[in-house]
């Protein structure tokens, strides 16, 4: 294998993971139920427990989808969504 082939091949762990979903919610029961349901269907789930953490995780994890609770402490889901739309390419439909 040449150096060029090695750098062009995807990392094994990255190639096997499903689409990444960021779940932002402050309710532990909802988080665990959603995590179980999504992971059992092959999704890679990352968790944020409040709006501020959700913004940090969205930047760091680059999720394919964000599931966002609208009523949370520290920063509401409405404010998180507004910020994501201003700072990232987010589909509006």
PDB file of N, CA and C in Angstrom:
ATOM      1  N   UNK A   1       0.849  -1.171   0.000  1.00  0.00           N
ATOM      2  CA  UNK A   1       0.000   0.000   0.000  1.00  0.00           C
ATOM      3  C   UNK A   1       0.896   1.236   0.000  1.00  0.00           C
ATOM      4  N   UNK A   2       0.590   2.173  -0.881  1.00  0.00           N
ATOM      5  CA  UNK A   2       1.380   3.399  -0.937  1.00  0.00           C
ATOM      6  C   UNK A   2       0.913   4.369   0.134  1.00  0.00           C
ATOM      7  N   UNK A   3       1.741   5.378   0.388  1.00  0.00           N
ATOM      8  CA  UNK A   3       1.380   6.413   1.373  1.00  0.00           C
ATOM      9  C   UNK A   3       0.093   7.111   0.950  1.00  0.00           C
ATOM     10  N   UNK A   4      -0.065   7.383  -0.350  1.00  0.00           N
ATOM     11  CA  UNK A   4      -1.259   8.059  -0.844  1.00  0.00           C
ATOM     12  C   UNK A   4      -2.507   7.222  -0.587  1.00  0.00           C
ATOM     13  N   UNK A   5      -2.428   5.907  -0.827  1.00  0.00           N
ATOM     14  CA  UNK A   5      -3.570   5.037  -0.568  1.00  0.00           C
ATOM     15  C   UNK A   5      -3.921   5.040   0.914  1.00  0.00           C
ATOM     16  N   UNK A   6      -2.930   5.019   1.768  1.00  0.00           N
ATOM     17  CA  UNK A   6      -3.174   4.982   3.209  1.00  0.00           C
ATOM     18  C   UNK A   6      -3.870   6.245   3.680  1.00  0.00           C
ATOM     19  N   UNK A   7      -3.513   7.403   3.144  1.00  0.00           N
ATOM     20  CA  UNK A   7      -4.130   8.648   3.599  1.00  0.00           C
ATOM     21  C   UNK A   7      -5.510   8.853   2.995  1.00  0.00           C
ATOM     22  N   UNK A   8      -5.816   8.202   1.881  1.00  0.00           N
ATOM     23  CA  UNK A   8      -7.124   8.361   1.259  1.00  0.00           C
ATOM     24  C   UNK A   8      -8.170   7.393   1.788  1.00  0.00           C
ATOM     25  N   UNK A   9      -7.743   6.364   2.504  1.00  0.00           N
ATOM     26  CA  UNK A   9      -8.701   5.401   3.035  1.00  0.00           C
ATOM     27  C   UNK A   9      -9.277   5.914   4.342  1.00  0.00           C
ATOM     28  N   UNK A  10     -10.590   5.761   4.545  1.00  0.00           N
ATOM     29  CA  UNK A  10     -11.198   6.262   5.776  1.00  0.00           C
ATOM     30  C   UNK A  10     -10.728   5.476   6.986  1.00  0.00           C
ATOM     31  N   UNK A  11     -10.679   6.153   8.117  1.00  0.00           N
ATOM     32  CA  UNK A  11     -10.370   5.496   9.380  1.00  0.00           C
ATOM     33  C   UNK A  11     -11.425   4.423   9.625  1.00  0.00           C
ATOM     34  N   UNK A  12     -11.024   3.253  10.101  1.00  0.00           N
ATOM     35  CA  UNK A  12     -11.941   2.125  10.271  1.00  0.00           C
ATOM     36  C   UNK A  12     -13.107   2.467  11.179  1.00  0.00           C
ATOM     37  N   UNK A  13     -12.840   3.084  12.320  1.00  0.00           N
ATOM     38  CA  UNK A  13     -13.919   3.436  13.252  1.00  0.00           C
ATOM     39  C   UNK A  13     -14.857   4.453  12.618  1.00  0.00           C
ATOM     40  N   UNK A  14     -14.304   5.432  11.922  1.00  0.00           N
ATOM     41  CA  UNK A  14     -15.119   6.453  11.278  1.00  0.00           C
ATOM     42  C   UNK A  14     -15.967   5.843  10.167  1.00  0.00           C
ATOM     43  N   UNK A  15     -15.414   4.908   9.412  1.00  0.00           N
ATOM     44  CA  UNK A  15     -16.138   4.297   8.309  1.00  0.00           C
ATOM     45  C   UNK A  15     -17.306   3.459   8.810  1.00  0.00           C
ATOM     46  N   UNK A  16     -17.192   2.879  10.003  1.00  0.00           N
ATOM     47  CA  UNK A  16     -18.229   1.990  10.515  1.00  0.00           C
ATOM     48  C   UNK A  16     -19.345   2.714  11.262  1.00  0.00           C
ATOM     49  N   UNK A  17     -19.090   3.921  11.746  1.00  0.00           N
ATOM     50  CA  UNK A  17     -20.121   4.595  12.530  1.00  0.00           C
ATOM     51  C   UNK A  17     -21.253   5.071  11.629  1.00  0.00           C
ATOM     52  N   UNK A  18     -22.446   5.071  12.194  1.00  0.00           N
ATOM     53  CA  UNK A  18     -23.592   5.575  11.463  1.00  0.00           C
ATOM     54  C   UNK A  18     -23.614   7.091  11.533  1.00  0.00           C
ATOM     55  N   UNK A  19     -24.644   7.696  10.982  1.00  0.00           N
ATOM     56  CA  UNK A  19     -24.766   9.147  11.083  1.00  0.00           C
ATOM     57  C   UNK A  19     -24.744   9.583  12.555  1.00  0.00           C
ATOM     58  N   UNK A  20     -24.082  10.695  12.816  1.00  0.00           N
ATOM     59  CA  UNK A  20     -23.946  11.198  14.189  1.00  0.00           C
ATOM     60  C   UNK A  20     -25.121  12.119  14.521  1.00  0.00           C
ATOM     61  N   UNK A  21     -25.765  11.844  15.649  1.00  0.00           N
ATOM     62  CA  UNK A  21     -26.881  12.651  16.133  1.00  0.00           C
ATOM     63  C   UNK A  21     -26.497  13.270  17.467  1.00  0.00           C
ATOM     64  N   UNK A  22     -26.670  14.583  17.563  1.00  0.00           N
ATOM     65  CA  UNK A  22     -26.481  15.287  18.824  1.00  0.00           C
ATOM     66  C   UNK A  22     -27.844  15.426  19.480  1.00  0.00           C
ATOM     67  N   UNK A  23     -27.983  14.856  20.667  1.00  0.00           N
ATOM     68  CA  UNK A  23     -29.221  14.913  21.438  1.00  0.00           C
ATOM     69  C   UNK A  23     -29.009  15.905  22.571  1.00  0.00           C
ATOM     70  N   UNK A  24     -29.786  16.997  22.572  1.00  0.00           N
ATOM     71  CA  UNK A  24     -29.650  18.042  23.587  1.00  0.00           C
ATOM     72  C   UNK A  24     -30.928  18.066  24.416  1.00  0.00           C
ATOM     73  N   UNK A  25     -30.825  17.619  25.673  1.00  0.00           N
ATOM     74  CA  UNK A  25     -31.993  17.551  26.556  1.00  0.00           C
ATOM     75  C   UNK A  25     -31.519  17.505  28.000  1.00  0.00           C
ATOM     76  N   UNK A  26     -32.292  18.081  28.904  1.00  0.00           N
ATOM     77  CA  UNK A  26     -31.925  18.075  30.323  1.00  0.00           C
ATOM     78  C   UNK A  26     -32.623  16.964  31.100  1.00  0.00           C
ATOM     79  N   UNK A  27     -33.488  16.200  30.466  1.00  0.00           N
ATOM     80  CA  UNK A  27     -34.231  15.127  31.136  1.00  0.00           C
ATOM     81  C   UNK A  27     -33.508  13.790  30.921  1.00  0.00           C
ATOM     82  N   UNK A  28     -32.973  13.231  32.002  1.00  0.00           N
ATOM     83  CA  UNK A  28     -32.173  11.998  31.918  1.00  0.00           C
ATOM     84  C   UNK A  28     -32.962  10.824  31.350  1.00  0.00           C
ATOM     85  N   UNK A  29     -34.243  10.716  31.688  1.00  0.00           N
ATOM     86  CA  UNK A  29     -35.052   9.600  31.173  1.00  0.00           C
ATOM     87  C   UNK A  29     -35.243   9.704  29.665  1.00  0.00           C
ATOM     88  N   UNK A  30     -35.479  10.900  29.180  1.00  0.00           N
ATOM     89  CA  UNK A  30     -35.639  11.095  27.736  1.00  0.00           C
ATOM     90  C   UNK A  30     -34.321  10.799  27.027  1.00  0.00           C
ATOM     91  N   UNK A  31     -33.227  11.271  27.598  1.00  0.00           N
ATOM     92  CA  UNK A  31     -31.912  11.017  27.000  1.00  0.00           C
ATOM     93  C   UNK A  31     -31.663   9.523  26.857  1.00  0.00           C
ATOM     94  N   UNK A  32     -31.881   8.777  27.922  1.00  0.00           N
ATOM     95  CA  UNK A  32     -31.597   7.338  27.876  1.00  0.00           C
ATOM     96  C   UNK A  32     -32.524   6.601  26.910  1.00  0.00           C
ATOM     97  N   UNK A  33     -33.803   6.959  26.887  1.00  0.00           N
ATOM     98  CA  UNK A  33     -34.738   6.313  25.959  1.00  0.00           C
ATOM     99  C   UNK A  33     -34.365   6.612  24.506  1.00  0.00           C
ATOM    100  N   UNK A  34     -34.059   7.876  24.227  1.00  0.00           N
ATOM    101  CA  UNK A  34     -33.691   8.263  22.863  1.00  0.00           C
ATOM    102  C   UNK A  34     -32.356   7.639  22.459  1.00  0.00           C
ATOM    103  N   UNK A  35     -31.390   7.647  23.382  1.00  0.00           N
ATOM    104  CA  UNK A  35     -30.083   7.057  23.077  1.00  0.00           C
ATOM    105  C   UNK A  35     -30.244   5.578  22.718  1.00  0.00           C
ATOM    106  N   UNK A  36     -31.004   4.851  23.519  1.00  0.00           N
ATOM    107  CA  UNK A  36     -31.215   3.423  23.266  1.00  0.00           C
ATOM    108  C   UNK A  36     -31.865   3.211  21.895  1.00  0.00           C
ATOM    109  N   UNK A  37     -32.930   3.960  21.625  1.00  0.00           N
ATOM    110  CA  UNK A  37     -33.651   3.793  20.361  1.00  0.00           C
ATOM    111  C   UNK A  37     -32.763   4.123  19.159  1.00  0.00           C
ATOM    112  N   UNK A  38     -32.011   5.198  19.252  1.00  0.00           N
ATOM    113  CA  UNK A  38     -31.181   5.616  18.123  1.00  0.00           C
ATOM    114  C   UNK A  38     -29.970   4.709  17.923  1.00  0.00           C
ATOM    115  N   UNK A  39     -29.300   4.347  19.017  1.00  0.00           N
ATOM    116  CA  UNK A  39     -28.131   3.469  18.889  1.00  0.00           C
ATOM    117  C   UNK A  39     -28.520   2.090  18.380  1.00  0.00           C
ATOM    118  N   UNK A  40     -29.693   1.602  18.772  1.00  0.00           N
ATOM    119  CA  UNK A  40     -30.122   0.285  18.303  1.00  0.00           C
ATOM    120  C   UNK A  40     -30.414   0.289  16.800  1.00  0.00           C
ATOM    121  N   UNK A  41     -30.572   1.472  16.234  1.00  0.00           N
ATOM    122  CA  UNK A  41     -30.790   1.601  14.790  1.00  0.00           C
ATOM    123  C   UNK A  41     -29.516   2.017  14.052  1.00  0.00           C
ATOM    124  N   UNK A  42     -28.387   1.992  14.755  1.00  0.00           N
ATOM    125  CA  UNK A  42     -27.103   2.227  14.108  1.00  0.00           C
ATOM    126  C   UNK A  42     -26.577   3.649  14.134  1.00  0.00           C
ATOM    127  N   UNK A  43     -27.259   4.552  14.836  1.00  0.00           N
ATOM    128  CA  UNK A  43     -26.792   5.930  14.903  1.00  0.00           C
ATOM    129  C   UNK A  43     -25.727   6.093  15.978  1.00  0.00           C
ATOM    130  N   UNK A  44     -24.806   6.996  15.743  1.00  0.00           N
ATOM    131  CA  UNK A  44     -23.797   7.382  16.723  1.00  0.00           C
ATOM    132  C   UNK A  44     -24.387   8.574  17.479  1.00  0.00           C
ATOM    133  N   UNK A  45     -24.657   8.416  18.765  1.00  0.00           N
ATOM    134  CA  UNK A  45     -25.354   9.439  19.545  1.00  0.00           C
ATOM    135  C   UNK A  45     -24.385  10.115  20.503  1.00  0.00           C
ATOM    136  N   UNK A  46     -24.370  11.443  20.469  1.00  0.00           N
ATOM    137  CA  UNK A  46     -23.633  12.227  21.451  1.00  0.00           C
ATOM    138  C   UNK A  46     -24.644  13.065  22.222  1.00  0.00           C
ATOM    139  N   UNK A  47     -24.350  13.303  23.502  1.00  0.00           N
ATOM    140  CA  UNK A  47     -25.315  13.904  24.418  1.00  0.00           C
ATOM    141  C   UNK A  47     -24.815  15.243  24.942  1.00  0.00           C
ATOM    142  N   UNK A  48     -25.722  16.209  25.021  1.00  0.00           N
ATOM    143  CA  UNK A  48     -25.495  17.465  25.737  1.00  0.00           C
ATOM    144  C   UNK A  48     -26.687  17.651  26.667  1.00  0.00           C
ATOM    145  N   UNK A  49     -26.432  18.089  27.898  1.00  0.00           N
ATOM    146  CA  UNK A  49     -27.490  18.165  28.904  1.00  0.00           C
ATOM    147  C   UNK A  49     -28.040  19.566  29.135  1.00  0.00           C
ATOM    148  N   UNK A  50     -27.545  20.555  28.409  1.00  0.00           N
ATOM    149  CA  UNK A  50     -28.133  21.897  28.451  1.00  0.00           C
ATOM    150  C   UNK A  50     -27.763  22.624  27.163  1.00  0.00           C
ATOM    151  N   UNK A  51     -28.357  23.786  26.968  1.00  0.00           N
ATOM    152  CA  UNK A  51     -28.154  24.510  25.724  1.00  0.00           C
ATOM    153  C   UNK A  51     -26.721  24.947  25.481  1.00  0.00           C
ATOM    154  N   UNK A  52     -26.042  25.414  26.527  1.00  0.00           N
ATOM    155  CA  UNK A  52     -24.650  25.836  26.359  1.00  0.00           C
ATOM    156  C   UNK A  52     -23.770  24.668  25.941  1.00  0.00           C
ATOM    157  N   UNK A  53     -23.951  23.538  26.596  1.00  0.00           N
ATOM    158  CA  UNK A  53     -23.179  22.347  26.242  1.00  0.00           C
ATOM    159  C   UNK A  53     -23.539  21.895  24.823  1.00  0.00           C
ATOM    160  N   UNK A  54     -24.805  22.057  24.448  1.00  0.00           N
ATOM    161  CA  UNK A  54     -25.235  21.698  23.100  1.00  0.00           C
ATOM    162  C   UNK A  54     -24.497  22.480  22.026  1.00  0.00           C
ATOM    163  N   UNK A  55     -24.296  23.780  22.268  1.00  0.00           N
ATOM    164  CA  UNK A  55     -23.550  24.594  21.305  1.00  0.00           C
ATOM    165  C   UNK A  55     -22.101  24.137  21.188  1.00  0.00           C
ATOM    166  N   UNK A  56     -21.481  23.841  22.320  1.00  0.00           N
ATOM    167  CA  UNK A  56     -20.095  23.364  22.318  1.00  0.00           C
ATOM    168  C   UNK A  56     -19.999  22.035  21.572  1.00  0.00           C
ATOM    169  N   UNK A  57     -20.923  21.118  21.870  1.00  0.00           N
ATOM    170  CA  UNK A  57     -20.899  19.794  21.239  1.00  0.00           C
ATOM    171  C   UNK A  57     -21.184  19.889  19.739  1.00  0.00           C
ATOM    172  N   UNK A  58     -22.066  20.794  19.335  1.00  0.00           N
ATOM    173  CA  UNK A  58     -22.365  20.953  17.908  1.00  0.00           C
ATOM    174  C   UNK A  58     -21.117  21.386  17.151  1.00  0.00           C
ATOM    175  N   UNK A  59     -20.338  22.263  17.754  1.00  0.00           N
ATOM    176  CA  UNK A  59     -19.100  22.719  17.119  1.00  0.00           C
ATOM    177  C   UNK A  59     -18.053  21.611  17.092  1.00  0.00           C
ATOM    178  N   UNK A  60     -17.899  20.906  18.196  1.00  0.00           N
ATOM    179  CA  UNK A  60     -16.850  19.894  18.318  1.00  0.00           C
ATOM    180  C   UNK A  60     -17.173  18.607  17.562  1.00  0.00           C
ATOM    181  N   UNK A  61     -18.423  18.161  17.605  1.00  0.00           N
ATOM    182  CA  UNK A  61     -18.793  16.848  17.061  1.00  0.00           C
ATOM    183  C   UNK A  61     -19.274  16.882  15.611  1.00  0.00           C
ATOM    184  N   UNK A  62     -19.648  18.052  15.103  1.00  0.00           N
ATOM    185  CA  UNK A  62     -20.145  18.201  13.729  1.00  0.00           C
ATOM    186  C   UNK A  62     -21.212  17.145  13.404  1.00  0.00           C
ATOM    187  N   UNK A  63     -22.343  17.166  14.127  1.00  0.00           N
ATOM    188  CA  UNK A  63     -23.368  16.134  13.937  1.00  0.00           C
ATOM    189  C   UNK A  63     -24.090  16.264  12.601  1.00  0.00           C
ATOM    190  N   UNK A  64     -24.654  15.145  12.158  1.00  0.00           N
ATOM    191  CA  UNK A  64     -25.479  15.131  10.953  1.00  0.00           C
ATOM    192  C   UNK A  64     -26.888  15.631  11.259  1.00  0.00           C
ATOM    193  N   UNK A  65     -27.299  15.486  12.524  1.00  0.00           N
ATOM    194  CA  UNK A  65     -28.637  15.882  12.958  1.00  0.00           C
ATOM    195  C   UNK A  65     -28.564  16.313  14.412  1.00  0.00           C
ATOM    196  N   UNK A  66     -29.354  17.335  14.777  1.00  0.00           N
ATOM    197  CA  UNK A  66     -29.467  17.760  16.171  1.00  0.00           C
ATOM    198  C   UNK A  66     -30.918  17.597  16.589  1.00  0.00           C
ATOM    199  N   UNK A  67     -31.133  16.862  17.683  1.00  0.00           N
ATOM    200  CA  UNK A  67     -32.459  16.752  18.295  1.00  0.00           C
ATOM    201  C   UNK A  67     -32.397  17.627  19.538  1.00  0.00           C
ATOM    202  N   UNK A  68     -33.243  18.639  19.584  1.00  0.00           N
ATOM    203  CA  UNK A  68     -33.094  19.719  20.541  1.00  0.00           C
ATOM    204  C   UNK A  68     -34.361  19.924  21.360  1.00  0.00           C
ATOM    205  N   UNK A  69     -34.245  19.781  22.689  1.00  0.00           N
ATOM    206  CA  UNK A  69     -35.330  20.131  23.606  1.00  0.00           C
ATOM    207  C   UNK A  69     -35.428  21.654  23.608  1.00  0.00           C
ATOM    208  N   UNK A  70     -36.612  22.195  23.593  1.00  0.00           N
ATOM    209  CA  UNK A  70     -36.762  23.644  23.530  1.00  0.00           C
ATOM    210  C   UNK A  70     -36.759  24.312  24.906  1.00  0.00           C
ATOM    211  N   UNK A  71     -37.139  23.593  25.951  1.00  0.00           N
ATOM    212  CA  UNK A  71     -37.211  24.176  27.297  1.00  0.00           C
ATOM    213  C   UNK A  71     -36.124  23.553  28.169  1.00  0.00           C
ATOM    214  N   UNK A  72     -34.999  24.277  28.314  1.00  0.00           N
ATOM    215  CA  UNK A  72     -33.866  23.772  29.096  1.00  0.00           C
ATOM    216  C   UNK A  72     -33.287  24.892  29.949  1.00  0.00           C
ATOM    217  N   UNK A  73     -32.554  24.512  31.001  1.00  0.00           N
ATOM    218  CA  UNK A  73     -31.871  25.533  31.803  1.00  0.00           C
ATOM    219  C   UNK A  73     -30.651  26.088  31.061  1.00  0.00           C
ATOM    220  N   UNK A  74     -30.168  27.211  31.532  1.00  0.00           N
ATOM    221  CA  UNK A  74     -28.970  27.908  31.035  1.00  0.00           C
ATOM    222  C   UNK A  74     -29.189  28.580  29.688  1.00  0.00           C
ATOM    223  N   UNK A  75     -29.655  27.849  28.688  1.00  0.00           N
ATOM    224  CA  UNK A  75     -29.941  28.435  27.378  1.00  0.00           C
ATOM    225  C   UNK A  75     -31.031  27.594  26.741  1.00  0.00           C
ATOM    226  N   UNK A  76     -32.131  28.229  26.389  1.00  0.00           N
ATOM    227  CA  UNK A  76     -33.260  27.479  25.829  1.00  0.00           C
ATOM    228  C   UNK A  76     -32.915  26.926  24.453  1.00  0.00           C
ATOM    229  N   UNK A  77     -33.672  25.928  24.055  1.00  0.00           N
ATOM    230  CA  UNK A  77     -33.496  25.354  22.733  1.00  0.00           C
ATOM    231  C   UNK A  77     -33.742  26.366  21.625  1.00  0.00           C
ATOM    232  N   UNK A  78     -34.633  27.325  21.878  1.00  0.00           N
ATOM    233  CA  UNK A  78     -34.901  28.371  20.890  1.00  0.00           C
ATOM    234  C   UNK A  78     -33.640  29.202  20.636  1.00  0.00           C
ATOM    235  N   UNK A  79     -32.933  29.567  21.717  1.00  0.00           N
ATOM    236  CA  UNK A  79     -31.698  30.343  21.571  1.00  0.00           C
ATOM    237  C   UNK A  79     -30.585  29.518  20.936  1.00  0.00           C
ATOM    238  N   UNK A  80     -30.525  28.237  21.266  1.00  0.00           N
ATOM    239  CA  UNK A  80     -29.527  27.351  20.653  1.00  0.00           C
ATOM    240  C   UNK A  80     -29.774  27.263  19.151  1.00  0.00           C
ATOM    241  N   UNK A  81     -31.013  27.054  18.765  1.00  0.00           N
ATOM    242  CA  UNK A  81     -31.352  26.964  17.345  1.00  0.00           C
ATOM    243  C   UNK A  81     -31.002  28.258  16.614  1.00  0.00           C
ATOM    244  N   UNK A  82     -31.333  29.386  17.220  1.00  0.00           N
ATOM    245  CA  UNK A  82     -31.015  30.679  16.608  1.00  0.00           C
ATOM    246  C   UNK A  82     -29.503  30.819  16.393  1.00  0.00           C
ATOM    247  N   UNK A  83     -28.733  30.440  17.390  1.00  0.00           N
ATOM    248  CA  UNK A  83     -27.266  30.535  17.300  1.00  0.00           C
ATOM    249  C   UNK A  83     -26.722  29.572  16.247  1.00  0.00           C
ATOM    250  N   UNK A  84     -27.232  28.349  16.215  1.00  0.00           N
ATOM    251  CA  UNK A  84     -26.771  27.384  15.215  1.00  0.00           C
ATOM    252  C   UNK A  84     -27.061  27.882  13.806  1.00  0.00           C
ATOM    253  N   UNK A  85     -28.208  28.479  13.614  1.00  0.00           N
ATOM    254  CA  UNK A  85     -28.554  28.985  12.278  1.00  0.00           C
ATOM    255  C   UNK A  85     -27.652  30.136  11.858  1.00  0.00           C
ATOM    256  N   UNK A  86     -27.183  30.932  12.815  1.00  0.00           N
ATOM    257  CA  UNK A  86     -26.298  32.056  12.489  1.00  0.00           C
ATOM    258  C   UNK A  86     -24.862  31.616  12.235  1.00  0.00           C
ATOM    259  N   UNK A  87     -24.428  30.544  12.883  1.00  0.00           N
ATOM    260  CA  UNK A  87     -23.013  30.189  12.842  1.00  0.00           C
ATOM    261  C   UNK A  87     -22.695  28.944  12.024  1.00  0.00           C
ATOM    262  N   UNK A  88     -23.689  28.202  11.621  1.00  0.00           N
ATOM    263  CA  UNK A  88     -23.453  26.960  10.881  1.00  0.00           C
ATOM    264  C   UNK A  88     -24.417  26.895   9.705  1.00  0.00           C
ATOM    265  N   UNK A  89     -24.075  26.065   8.744  1.00  0.00           N
ATOM    266  CA  UNK A  89     -24.973  25.858   7.613  1.00  0.00           C
ATOM    267  C   UNK A  89     -26.043  24.868   8.058  1.00  0.00           C
ATOM    268  N   UNK A  90     -27.225  25.393   8.362  1.00  0.00           N
ATOM    269  CA  UNK A  90     -28.329  24.579   8.870  1.00  0.00           C
ATOM    270  C   UNK A  90     -29.501  24.702   7.904  1.00  0.00           C
ATOM    271  N   UNK A  91     -29.999  23.585   7.391  1.00  0.00           N
ATOM    272  CA  UNK A  91     -31.177  23.651   6.516  1.00  0.00           C
ATOM    273  C   UNK A  91     -32.362  24.249   7.266  1.00  0.00           C
ATOM    274  N   UNK A  92     -33.163  25.048   6.580  1.00  0.00           N
ATOM    275  CA  UNK A  92     -34.323  25.661   7.226  1.00  0.00           C
ATOM    276  C   UNK A  92     -35.612  24.926   6.919  1.00  0.00           C
ATOM    277  N   UNK A  93     -35.572  23.930   6.067  1.00  0.00           N
ATOM    278  CA  UNK A  93     -36.780  23.155   5.748  1.00  0.00           C
ATOM    279  C   UNK A  93     -36.519  21.703   5.957  1.00  0.00           C
TER     280      UNK A  93
END
